[in-house]
Protein backbone atom coordinates (compact mmCIF):
# COMPACT_ATOMS: atom_id res chain seq x y z
CA UNK A 1 111.86 -19.35 -59.78
CA UNK A 2 109.59 -16.44 -59.95
CA UNK A 3 105.90 -16.62 -60.03
CA UNK A 4 105.52 -15.43 -63.65
CA UNK A 5 108.00 -17.99 -64.94
CA UNK A 6 106.20 -20.65 -62.92
CA UNK A 7 102.88 -19.91 -64.46
CA UNK A 8 104.40 -19.73 -67.99
CA UNK A 9 105.87 -23.09 -67.45
CA UNK A 10 102.66 -24.64 -66.41
CA UNK A 11 100.81 -22.95 -69.28
CA UNK A 12 103.37 -24.30 -71.80
CA UNK A 13 102.93 -27.76 -70.50
CA UNK A 14 99.26 -27.89 -71.17
CA UNK A 15 97.92 -29.44 -74.37
CA UNK A 16 96.35 -26.91 -77.04
CA UNK A 17 92.82 -27.57 -76.24
CA UNK A 18 93.26 -27.12 -72.55
CA UNK A 19 95.36 -23.95 -72.98
CA UNK A 20 92.72 -22.34 -75.29
CA UNK A 21 89.95 -23.06 -72.55
CA UNK A 22 92.20 -21.57 -69.86
CA UNK A 23 92.95 -18.50 -71.99
CA UNK A 24 89.27 -18.07 -72.97
CA UNK A 25 88.30 -18.09 -69.16
CA UNK A 26 91.00 -15.37 -68.52
CA UNK A 27 89.82 -13.00 -71.13
CA UNK A 28 86.02 -13.74 -70.79
CA UNK A 29 85.13 -10.62 -68.70
CA UNK A 30 87.72 -8.19 -70.19
CA UNK A 31 86.09 -6.15 -73.05
CA UNK A 32 89.58 -4.81 -74.08
CA UNK A 33 90.65 -8.36 -74.97
CA UNK A 34 87.57 -9.19 -77.23
CA UNK A 35 89.99 -9.56 -80.44
CA UNK A 36 91.88 -12.39 -78.15
CA UNK A 37 88.53 -14.04 -77.29
CA UNK A 38 87.50 -14.14 -80.92
CA UNK A 39 90.80 -15.53 -82.03
CA UNK A 40 90.56 -18.20 -79.34
CA UNK A 41 86.97 -19.07 -80.50
CA UNK A 42 88.49 -19.69 -83.93
CA UNK A 43 91.23 -21.74 -82.57
CA UNK A 44 88.62 -23.96 -80.73
CA UNK A 45 86.81 -24.69 -83.88
CA UNK A 46 89.76 -25.41 -85.89
CA UNK A 47 89.82 -22.01 -87.89
CA UNK A 48 92.94 -20.60 -86.57
CA UNK A 49 95.14 -18.98 -89.10
CA UNK A 50 98.68 -20.62 -89.03
CA UNK A 51 100.28 -17.36 -90.39
CA UNK A 52 103.15 -15.70 -89.12
CA UNK A 53 103.54 -15.00 -85.35
CA UNK A 54 102.32 -11.79 -83.79
CA UNK A 55 105.17 -9.08 -83.40
CA UNK A 56 105.12 -5.99 -81.35
CA UNK A 57 106.35 -3.70 -84.23
CA UNK A 58 103.40 -1.51 -84.04
CA UNK A 59 103.66 2.28 -83.69
CA UNK A 60 102.66 3.75 -80.24
CA UNK A 61 100.35 6.49 -80.20
CA UNK A 62 100.54 9.19 -77.63
CA UNK A 63 97.52 8.89 -75.49
CA UNK A 64 97.83 12.37 -74.05
CA UNK A 65 97.00 13.92 -77.54
CA UNK A 66 93.28 14.25 -78.02
CA UNK A 67 92.30 15.51 -81.50
CA UNK A 68 89.93 18.40 -81.48
CA UNK A 69 86.48 18.29 -83.27
CA UNK A 70 86.15 20.64 -86.28
CA UNK A 71 82.62 21.86 -85.18
CA UNK A 72 81.00 20.23 -88.14
CA UNK A 73 78.05 17.82 -87.70
CA UNK A 74 77.83 17.63 -83.82
CA UNK A 75 81.59 18.10 -83.59
CA UNK A 76 82.32 14.58 -84.60
CA UNK A 77 86.12 13.62 -84.85
CA UNK A 78 86.87 12.05 -88.18
CA UNK A 79 87.70 8.31 -88.12
CA UNK A 80 91.03 7.38 -89.66
CA UNK A 81 90.77 4.66 -92.49
CA UNK A 82 91.20 1.06 -91.37
CA UNK A 83 94.61 -0.32 -92.68
CA UNK A 84 94.14 -3.09 -95.18
CA UNK A 85 97.02 -5.20 -93.65
CA UNK A 86 100.39 -4.89 -91.96
CA UNK A 87 103.48 -4.82 -93.93
CA UNK A 88 104.66 -8.44 -94.42
CA UNK A 89 101.29 -10.08 -94.18
CA UNK A 90 99.25 -11.69 -96.95
CA UNK A 91 96.05 -10.70 -98.23
CA UNK A 92 92.97 -10.34 -95.67
CA UNK A 93 91.31 -13.84 -95.31
CA UNK A 94 87.60 -14.40 -94.46
CA UNK A 95 87.24 -16.22 -91.22
CA UNK A 96 83.79 -16.96 -89.59
CA UNK A 97 81.88 -14.78 -92.19
CA UNK A 98 84.21 -11.78 -91.43
CA UNK A 99 87.29 -10.49 -93.12
CA UNK A 100 90.59 -10.05 -91.02
CA UNK A 101 89.78 -6.41 -90.60
CA UNK A 102 86.24 -7.23 -88.96
CA UNK A 103 84.01 -6.39 -92.13
CA UNK A 104 81.18 -8.98 -92.80
CA UNK A 105 81.70 -10.97 -96.09
CA UNK A 106 79.10 -10.76 -98.56
CA UNK A 107 78.25 -14.48 -98.22
CA UNK A 108 77.63 -14.21 -94.41
CA UNK A 109 75.22 -11.15 -94.81
CA UNK A 110 73.42 -13.00 -97.60
CA UNK A 111 73.08 -15.99 -95.32
CA UNK A 112 71.81 -14.05 -92.50
CA UNK A 113 69.33 -12.33 -94.70
CA UNK A 114 68.08 -15.83 -96.11
CA UNK A 115 67.75 -17.27 -92.44
CA UNK A 116 65.62 -14.41 -91.33
CA UNK A 117 63.51 -14.45 -94.25
CA UNK A 118 62.92 -18.13 -93.89
CA UNK A 119 62.35 -17.73 -90.13
CA UNK A 120 59.68 -14.97 -90.87
CA UNK A 121 58.06 -17.10 -93.49
CA UNK A 122 57.89 -20.04 -91.28
CA UNK A 123 56.45 -17.86 -88.44
CA UNK A 124 53.61 -16.72 -90.71
CA UNK A 125 52.83 -20.33 -91.86
CA UNK A 126 52.77 -21.36 -88.15
CA UNK A 127 50.61 -18.45 -87.21
CA UNK A 128 48.05 -19.29 -89.85
CA UNK A 129 47.77 -22.88 -88.53
CA UNK A 130 46.72 -21.71 -85.10
CA UNK A 131 42.92 -21.09 -84.21
CA UNK A 132 43.57 -17.33 -83.89
CA UNK A 133 45.41 -17.25 -87.22
CA UNK A 134 42.51 -18.96 -89.00
CA UNK A 135 40.12 -16.65 -87.45
CA UNK A 136 42.10 -13.62 -88.58
CA UNK A 137 42.09 -15.32 -92.08
CA UNK A 138 38.37 -15.78 -92.01
CA UNK A 139 37.86 -12.16 -90.79
CA UNK A 140 39.85 -10.92 -93.65
CA UNK A 141 37.99 -13.05 -96.24
CA UNK A 142 34.76 -11.89 -94.81
CA UNK A 143 35.63 -8.16 -95.14
CA UNK A 144 36.94 -8.84 -98.72
CA UNK A 145 33.64 -10.40 -99.53
CA UNK A 146 31.70 -7.58 -97.91
CA UNK A 147 33.82 -4.95 -99.91
CA UNK A 148 33.17 -6.60 -103.18
CA UNK A 149 29.46 -6.82 -102.66
CA UNK A 150 29.33 -3.22 -101.48
CA UNK A 151 31.33 -2.17 -104.72
CA UNK A 152 28.91 -4.15 -106.86
CA UNK A 153 25.94 -2.30 -105.29
CA UNK A 154 27.63 1.17 -105.90
CA UNK A 155 28.34 0.19 -109.68
CA UNK A 156 24.74 -0.90 -110.16
CA UNK A 157 23.36 2.25 -108.55
CA UNK A 158 25.69 4.40 -110.77
CA UNK A 159 24.65 2.38 -113.91
CA UNK A 160 21.09 2.67 -112.91
CA UNK A 161 21.35 6.55 -112.49
CA UNK A 162 23.14 6.82 -116.00
CA UNK A 163 20.59 4.79 -117.89
CA UNK A 164 17.59 6.73 -116.22
CA UNK A 165 19.00 10.27 -117.40
CA UNK A 166 19.18 9.55 -121.08
């Protein structure tokens, strides 16, 4: 029995949850396998898509051919459009706040904005409850009061000059 088939046999004998944890450990430090790590994370929390199995019928791109830049806008190479799905697959489904093509869903973006807004508002309230925060509020109110008093003085002096000229 070869080493590879022995490893495959041992992996096949593992329960699903143990196999997922072994595979996550295997792909953890490999940035090229980020999609596999994301799929394993979804499988761990029970959001794995039980769709059709993965097949190897993708087209192979010749790695030796490098597209040349057109010279426009700092020589950027145009990015090809993202395919909406492979033939034979269903419509993209949202998983974990992202569509199957990796685009965040509207609901996930709205939730993030609401969370950040709530956190900022809470931080503001907490800041005002500290002695330093109260001191800043008191300074602001004192400046506002002084500004109103000065504005009243200016208005009175202007009104006094207007009535004396007539």
